[in-house]
Amino acid sequence: MRGSYQGYGFGSNNIDGLWQAIEDFRSRFEKPEGTRAGKGEVRAAVLALLAERPMHGYQIIREIEERSGGSWKPSAGSVYPTLQLLADEGVIRAEESNGRKIYSLTEAGRDEAAGSAAGTPWAGAGPQSTTGFAALPKAGVELAQAAAQVGRTGTPEQVKQAVAVLDEARRRMYSILAQD
């Protein structure tokens, strides 16, 4: 009889709908496809990285992706024109090494990077963050997955208990927002 309980929408006929709801929930927190970084974010990221050490363009893209926990991977079409612009402005210089251009900051670039060191565009982003906004969707999806598991394999009494837990969690979430 397990998995056949139809109460609360958790029956086997409703599992696909539950997984769709989980995906809809997750998508509310993810960066929409095709969105771009804000104006100046690629520039700020490039300067911050080159302040640490010289790099080639692909390394810059990889570092941004890694430091943002995969939530931001700028395209070559945004990084390389930014590098060219910074070179034209005299903020960075490019040197050929093993067939690759290695970029480093000039004195003017070090000054600009130091002036914008208040924060990096990837600060607080990505799944590696266990506090703040990034942790919320992960926790919500994990909760929804646990609810789906109870719905698939739980007894009617277990499903009833799970619904009570979820109702209490919802009330407590709203009470957090009600705090000053």
C-alpha atoms as a PDB file:
ATOM      1  CA  MET A   1       0.000   0.000   0.000  1.00  0.00           C
ATOM      2  CA  ARG A   2       3.042   2.288   0.328  1.00  0.00           C
ATOM      3  CA  GLY A   3       3.224   5.030  -2.262  1.00  0.00           C
ATOM      4  CA  SER A   4      -0.466   4.733  -3.079  1.00  0.00           C
ATOM      5  CA  TYR A   5      -1.715   7.260  -0.531  1.00  0.00           C
ATOM      6  CA  GLN A   6      -3.591   9.953  -2.432  1.00  0.00           C
ATOM      7  CA  GLY A   7      -4.088  12.450   0.409  1.00  0.00           C
ATOM      8  CA  TYR A   8      -2.384  15.836   0.184  1.00  0.00           C
ATOM      9  CA  GLY A   9      -1.460  15.300  -3.458  1.00  0.00           C
ATOM     10  CA  PHE A  10       1.400  12.884  -2.795  1.00  0.00           C
ATOM     11  CA  GLY A  11       0.113   9.806  -4.645  1.00  0.00           C
ATOM     12  CA  SER A  12       2.037   8.115  -7.434  1.00  0.00           C
ATOM     13  CA  ASN A  13      -0.090   9.986  -9.986  1.00  0.00           C
ATOM     14  CA  ASN A  14       1.080  13.303  -8.538  1.00  0.00           C
ATOM     15  CA  ILE A  15       4.846  12.651  -8.222  1.00  0.00           C
ATOM     16  CA  ASP A  16       5.601  14.207 -11.622  1.00  0.00           C
ATOM     17  CA  GLY A  17       3.694  17.302 -10.567  1.00  0.00           C
ATOM     18  CA  LEU A  18       5.642  17.454  -7.309  1.00  0.00           C
ATOM     19  CA  TRP A  19       8.976  17.241  -9.136  1.00  0.00           C
ATOM     20  CA  GLN A  20       7.782  19.999 -11.476  1.00  0.00           C
ATOM     21  CA  ALA A  21       6.952  22.124  -8.422  1.00  0.00           C
ATOM     22  CA  ILE A  22      10.457  21.505  -7.048  1.00  0.00           C
ATOM     23  CA  GLU A  23      12.003  22.598 -10.354  1.00  0.00           C
ATOM     24  CA  ASP A  24       9.765  25.682 -10.465  1.00  0.00           C
ATOM     25  CA  PHE A  25      10.878  26.560  -6.934  1.00  0.00           C
ATOM     26  CA  ARG A  26      14.546  26.109  -7.824  1.00  0.00           C
ATOM     27  CA  SER A  27      14.217  28.224 -10.962  1.00  0.00           C
ATOM     28  CA  ARG A  28      12.963  31.195  -8.931  1.00  0.00           C
ATOM     29  CA  PHE A  29      16.404  31.457  -7.343  1.00  0.00           C
ATOM     30  CA  GLU A  30      18.614  30.693 -10.309  1.00  0.00           C
ATOM     31  CA  LYS A  31      19.979  33.278 -12.702  1.00  0.00           C
ATOM     32  CA  PRO A  32      17.761  33.269 -15.798  1.00  0.00           C
ATOM     33  CA  GLU A  33      19.365  32.012 -18.974  1.00  0.00           C
ATOM     34  CA  GLY A  34      20.710  34.759 -21.178  1.00  0.00           C
ATOM     35  CA  THR A  35      21.023  37.370 -18.450  1.00  0.00           C
ATOM     36  CA  ARG A  36      24.238  39.325 -18.368  1.00  0.00           C
ATOM     37  CA  ALA A  37      26.458  40.657 -15.639  1.00  0.00           C
ATOM     38  CA  GLY A  38      25.796  44.223 -14.614  1.00  0.00           C
ATOM     39  CA  LYS A  39      27.713  47.046 -16.193  1.00  0.00           C
ATOM     40  CA  GLY A  40      31.275  47.080 -14.891  1.00  0.00           C
ATOM     41  CA  GLU A  41      31.155  43.675 -13.191  1.00  0.00           C
ATOM     42  CA  VAL A  42      33.431  41.968 -15.722  1.00  0.00           C
ATOM     43  CA  ARG A  43      35.871  44.884 -15.491  1.00  0.00           C
ATOM     44  CA  ALA A  44      35.852  44.760 -11.680  1.00  0.00           C
ATOM     45  CA  ALA A  45      36.346  40.988 -11.697  1.00  0.00           C
ATOM     46  CA  VAL A  46      39.254  41.172 -14.147  1.00  0.00           C
ATOM     47  CA  LEU A  47      40.972  43.877 -12.114  1.00  0.00           C
ATOM     48  CA  ALA A  48      40.461  41.989  -8.846  1.00  0.00           C
ATOM     49  CA  LEU A  49      41.942  38.801 -10.294  1.00  0.00           C
ATOM     50  CA  LEU A  50      44.877  40.489 -11.989  1.00  0.00           C
ATOM     51  CA  ALA A  51      45.652  42.278  -8.716  1.00  0.00           C
ATOM     52  CA  GLU A  52      46.430  38.822  -7.334  1.00  0.00           C
ATOM     53  CA  ARG A  53      48.572  37.543 -10.213  1.00  0.00           C
ATOM     54  CA  PRO A  54      49.008  37.727 -14.000  1.00  0.00           C
ATOM     55  CA  MET A  55      46.638  35.448 -15.929  1.00  0.00           C
ATOM     56  CA  HIS A  56      45.524  34.631 -19.436  1.00  0.00           C
ATOM     57  CA  GLY A  57      41.908  35.129 -20.505  1.00  0.00           C
ATOM     58  CA  TYR A  58      40.758  31.539 -20.032  1.00  0.00           C
ATOM     59  CA  GLN A  59      42.186  31.512 -16.494  1.00  0.00           C
ATOM     60  CA  ILE A  60      40.178  34.642 -15.716  1.00  0.00           C
ATOM     61  CA  ILE A  61      36.956  33.010 -16.941  1.00  0.00           C
ATOM     62  CA  ARG A  62      37.693  29.848 -14.928  1.00  0.00           C
ATOM     63  CA  GLU A  63      38.548  31.805 -11.755  1.00  0.00           C
ATOM     64  CA  ILE A  64      35.343  33.847 -11.919  1.00  0.00           C
ATOM     65  CA  GLU A  65      33.296  30.682 -12.374  1.00  0.00           C
ATOM     66  CA  GLU A  66      35.114  28.941  -9.522  1.00  0.00           C
ATOM     67  CA  ARG A  67      34.875  31.861  -7.106  1.00  0.00           C
ATOM     68  CA  SER A  68      31.188  32.351  -7.811  1.00  0.00           C
ATOM     69  CA  GLY A  69      30.545  28.683  -7.150  1.00  0.00           C
ATOM     70  CA  GLY A  70      29.502  28.215 -10.771  1.00  0.00           C
ATOM     71  CA  SER A  71      26.755  30.829 -10.610  1.00  0.00           C
ATOM     72  CA  TRP A  72      28.600  33.205 -12.957  1.00  0.00           C
ATOM     73  CA  LYS A  73      30.663  32.151 -15.941  1.00  0.00           C
ATOM     74  CA  PRO A  74      31.315  35.137 -18.158  1.00  0.00           C
ATOM     75  CA  SER A  75      31.687  34.354 -21.830  1.00  0.00           C
ATOM     76  CA  ALA A  76      34.870  34.862 -23.805  1.00  0.00           C
ATOM     77  CA  GLY A  77      32.819  37.427 -25.718  1.00  0.00           C
ATOM     78  CA  SER A  78      32.638  39.597 -22.616  1.00  0.00           C
ATOM     79  CA  VAL A  79      36.055  38.927 -21.051  1.00  0.00           C
ATOM     80  CA  TYR A  80      38.315  39.384 -24.086  1.00  0.00           C
ATOM     81  CA  PRO A  81      36.823  42.718 -25.201  1.00  0.00           C
ATOM     82  CA  THR A  82      37.150  43.912 -21.591  1.00  0.00           C
ATOM     83  CA  LEU A  83      40.806  42.868 -21.593  1.00  0.00           C
ATOM     84  CA  GLN A  84      41.355  44.730 -24.874  1.00  0.00           C
ATOM     85  CA  LEU A  85      39.649  47.853 -23.517  1.00  0.00           C
ATOM     86  CA  LEU A  86      41.730  47.746 -20.324  1.00  0.00           C
ATOM     87  CA  ALA A  87      44.890  47.368 -22.416  1.00  0.00           C
ATOM     88  CA  ASP A  88      43.855  50.304 -24.631  1.00  0.00           C
ATOM     89  CA  GLU A  89      43.301  52.396 -21.485  1.00  0.00           C
ATOM     90  CA  GLY A  90      46.750  51.467 -20.178  1.00  0.00           C
ATOM     91  CA  VAL A  91      45.316  49.708 -17.127  1.00  0.00           C
ATOM     92  CA  ILE A  92      46.745  46.303 -18.068  1.00  0.00           C
ATOM     93  CA  ARG A  93      49.480  45.068 -20.350  1.00  0.00           C
ATOM     94  CA  ALA A  94      49.634  41.866 -22.356  1.00  0.00           C
ATOM     95  CA  GLU A  95      52.787  39.837 -22.846  1.00  0.00           C
ATOM     96  CA  GLU A  96      53.125  36.829 -25.116  1.00  0.00           C
ATOM     97  CA  SER A  97      54.186  33.633 -23.313  1.00  0.00           C
ATOM     98  CA  ASN A  98      54.014  30.140 -24.838  1.00  0.00           C
ATOM     99  CA  GLY A  99      51.577  31.303 -27.486  1.00  0.00           C
ATOM    100  CA  ARG A 100      49.207  32.938 -24.996  1.00  0.00           C
ATOM    101  CA  LYS A 101      48.681  36.498 -23.910  1.00  0.00           C
ATOM    102  CA  ILE A 102      49.326  36.866 -20.209  1.00  0.00           C
ATOM    103  CA  TYR A 103      47.705  39.961 -18.731  1.00  0.00           C
ATOM    104  CA  SER A 104      49.028  41.915 -15.764  1.00  0.00           C
ATOM    105  CA  LEU A 105      48.203  45.239 -14.143  1.00  0.00           C
ATOM    106  CA  THR A 106      50.133  48.394 -14.874  1.00  0.00           C
ATOM    107  CA  GLU A 107      50.697  50.980 -12.162  1.00  0.00           C
ATOM    108  CA  ALA A 108      47.445  52.689 -13.207  1.00  0.00           C
ATOM    109  CA  GLY A 109      45.720  49.290 -13.041  1.00  0.00           C
ATOM    110  CA  ARG A 110      46.999  48.644  -9.518  1.00  0.00           C
ATOM    111  CA  ASP A 111      45.647  52.044  -8.471  1.00  0.00           C
ATOM    112  CA  GLU A 112      42.240  51.320 -10.012  1.00  0.00           C
ATOM    113  CA  ALA A 113      42.094  47.827  -8.520  1.00  0.00           C
ATOM    114  CA  ALA A 114      42.993  49.192  -5.081  1.00  0.00           C
ATOM    115  CA  GLY A 115      40.283  51.832  -5.405  1.00  0.00           C
ATOM    116  CA  SER A 116      37.617  49.241  -6.128  1.00  0.00           C
ATOM    117  CA  ALA A 117      38.743  46.651  -3.581  1.00  0.00           C
ATOM    118  CA  ALA A 118      35.591  47.167  -1.473  1.00  0.00           C
ATOM    119  CA  GLY A 119      34.112  43.989  -2.863  1.00  0.00           C
ATOM    120  CA  THR A 120      34.296  41.582  -5.753  1.00  0.00           C
ATOM    121  CA  PRO A 121      31.411  40.857  -8.115  1.00  0.00           C
ATOM    122  CA  TRP A 122      31.329  37.212  -7.032  1.00  0.00           C
ATOM    123  CA  ALA A 123      31.313  37.901  -3.263  1.00  0.00           C
ATOM    124  CA  GLY A 124      28.656  35.828  -1.526  1.00  0.00           C
ATOM    125  CA  ALA A 125      27.582  34.070  -4.720  1.00  0.00           C
ATOM    126  CA  GLY A 126      27.317  30.401  -5.403  1.00  0.00           C
ATOM    127  CA  PRO A 127      26.422  27.191  -3.677  1.00  0.00           C
ATOM    128  CA  GLN A 128      29.569  27.121  -1.559  1.00  0.00           C
ATOM    129  CA  SER A 129      28.036  29.870   0.547  1.00  0.00           C
ATOM    130  CA  THR A 130      26.313  28.346   3.565  1.00  0.00           C
ATOM    131  CA  THR A 131      24.848  31.616   4.773  1.00  0.00           C
ATOM    132  CA  GLY A 132      22.817  34.291   3.112  1.00  0.00           C
ATOM    133  CA  PHE A 133      20.679  34.142   0.022  1.00  0.00           C
ATOM    134  CA  ALA A 134      22.581  31.333  -1.718  1.00  0.00           C
ATOM    135  CA  ALA A 135      21.756  28.821   1.035  1.00  0.00           C
ATOM    136  CA  LEU A 136      17.983  29.409   0.938  1.00  0.00           C
ATOM    137  CA  PRO A 137      17.081  27.752  -2.382  1.00  0.00           C
ATOM    138  CA  LYS A 138      19.300  24.769  -1.614  1.00  0.00           C
ATOM    139  CA  ALA A 139      17.588  24.250   1.737  1.00  0.00           C
ATOM    140  CA  GLY A 140      14.151  24.669   0.146  1.00  0.00           C
ATOM    141  CA  VAL A 141      14.847  22.163  -2.597  1.00  0.00           C
ATOM    142  CA  GLU A 142      16.223  19.654  -0.088  1.00  0.00           C
ATOM    143  CA  LEU A 143      13.090  20.070   2.033  1.00  0.00           C
ATOM    144  CA  ALA A 144      10.868  19.554  -1.022  1.00  0.00           C
ATOM    145  CA  GLN A 145      12.837  16.413  -1.932  1.00  0.00           C
ATOM    146  CA  ALA A 146      12.369  15.041   1.572  1.00  0.00           C
ATOM    147  CA  ALA A 147       8.622  15.764   1.344  1.00  0.00           C
ATOM    148  CA  ALA A 148       8.481  13.955  -1.993  1.00  0.00           C
ATOM    149  CA  GLN A 149      10.247  10.938  -0.467  1.00  0.00           C
ATOM    150  CA  VAL A 150       7.743  10.785   2.388  1.00  0.00           C
ATOM    151  CA  GLY A 151       4.949  11.068  -0.184  1.00  0.00           C
ATOM    152  CA  ARG A 152       6.359   8.188  -2.228  1.00  0.00           C
ATOM    153  CA  THR A 153       7.212   5.754   0.537  1.00  0.00           C
ATOM    154  CA  GLY A 154       5.451   6.896   3.707  1.00  0.00           C
ATOM    155  CA  THR A 155       2.372   5.501   5.338  1.00  0.00           C
ATOM    156  CA  PRO A 156      -0.736   7.663   5.585  1.00  0.00           C
ATOM    157  CA  GLU A 157       0.220   8.488   9.194  1.00  0.00           C
ATOM    158  CA  GLN A 158       3.769   9.477   8.162  1.00  0.00           C
ATOM    159  CA  VAL A 159       2.392  11.715   5.404  1.00  0.00           C
ATOM    160  CA  LYS A 160       0.045  13.341   7.934  1.00  0.00           C
ATOM    161  CA  GLN A 161       3.016  13.992  10.266  1.00  0.00           C
ATOM    162  CA  ALA A 162       5.078  15.411   7.388  1.00  0.00           C
ATOM    163  CA  VAL A 163       2.270  17.809   6.457  1.00  0.00           C
ATOM    164  CA  ALA A 164       2.156  19.018  10.076  1.00  0.00           C
ATOM    165  CA  VAL A 165       5.933  19.603  10.017  1.00  0.00           C
ATOM    166  CA  LEU A 166       5.680  21.547   6.760  1.00  0.00           C
ATOM    167  CA  ASP A 167       2.792  23.646   8.070  1.00  0.00           C
ATOM    168  CA  GLU A 168       4.836  24.506  11.171  1.00  0.00           C
ATOM    169  CA  ALA A 169       7.900  25.335   9.032  1.00  0.00           C
ATOM    170  CA  ARG A 170       5.801  27.676   6.871  1.00  0.00           C
ATOM    171  CA  ARG A 171       4.449  29.468   9.956  1.00  0.00           C
ATOM    172  CA  ARG A 172       7.956  29.838  11.376  1.00  0.00           C
ATOM    173  CA  MET A 173       9.278  31.220   8.065  1.00  0.00           C
ATOM    174  CA  TYR A 174       6.602  33.916   8.079  1.00  0.00           C
ATOM    175  CA  SER A 175       7.393  34.705  11.716  1.00  0.00           C
ATOM    176  CA  ILE A 176      10.997  35.415  10.668  1.00  0.00           C
ATOM    177  CA  LEU A 177       9.740  38.030   8.227  1.00  0.00           C
ATOM    178  CA  ALA A 178       7.522  39.532  10.932  1.00  0.00           C
ATOM    179  CA  GLN A 179      10.538  40.245  13.167  1.00  0.00           C
ATOM    180  CA  ASP A 180      11.976  43.741  13.223  1.00  0.00           C
END
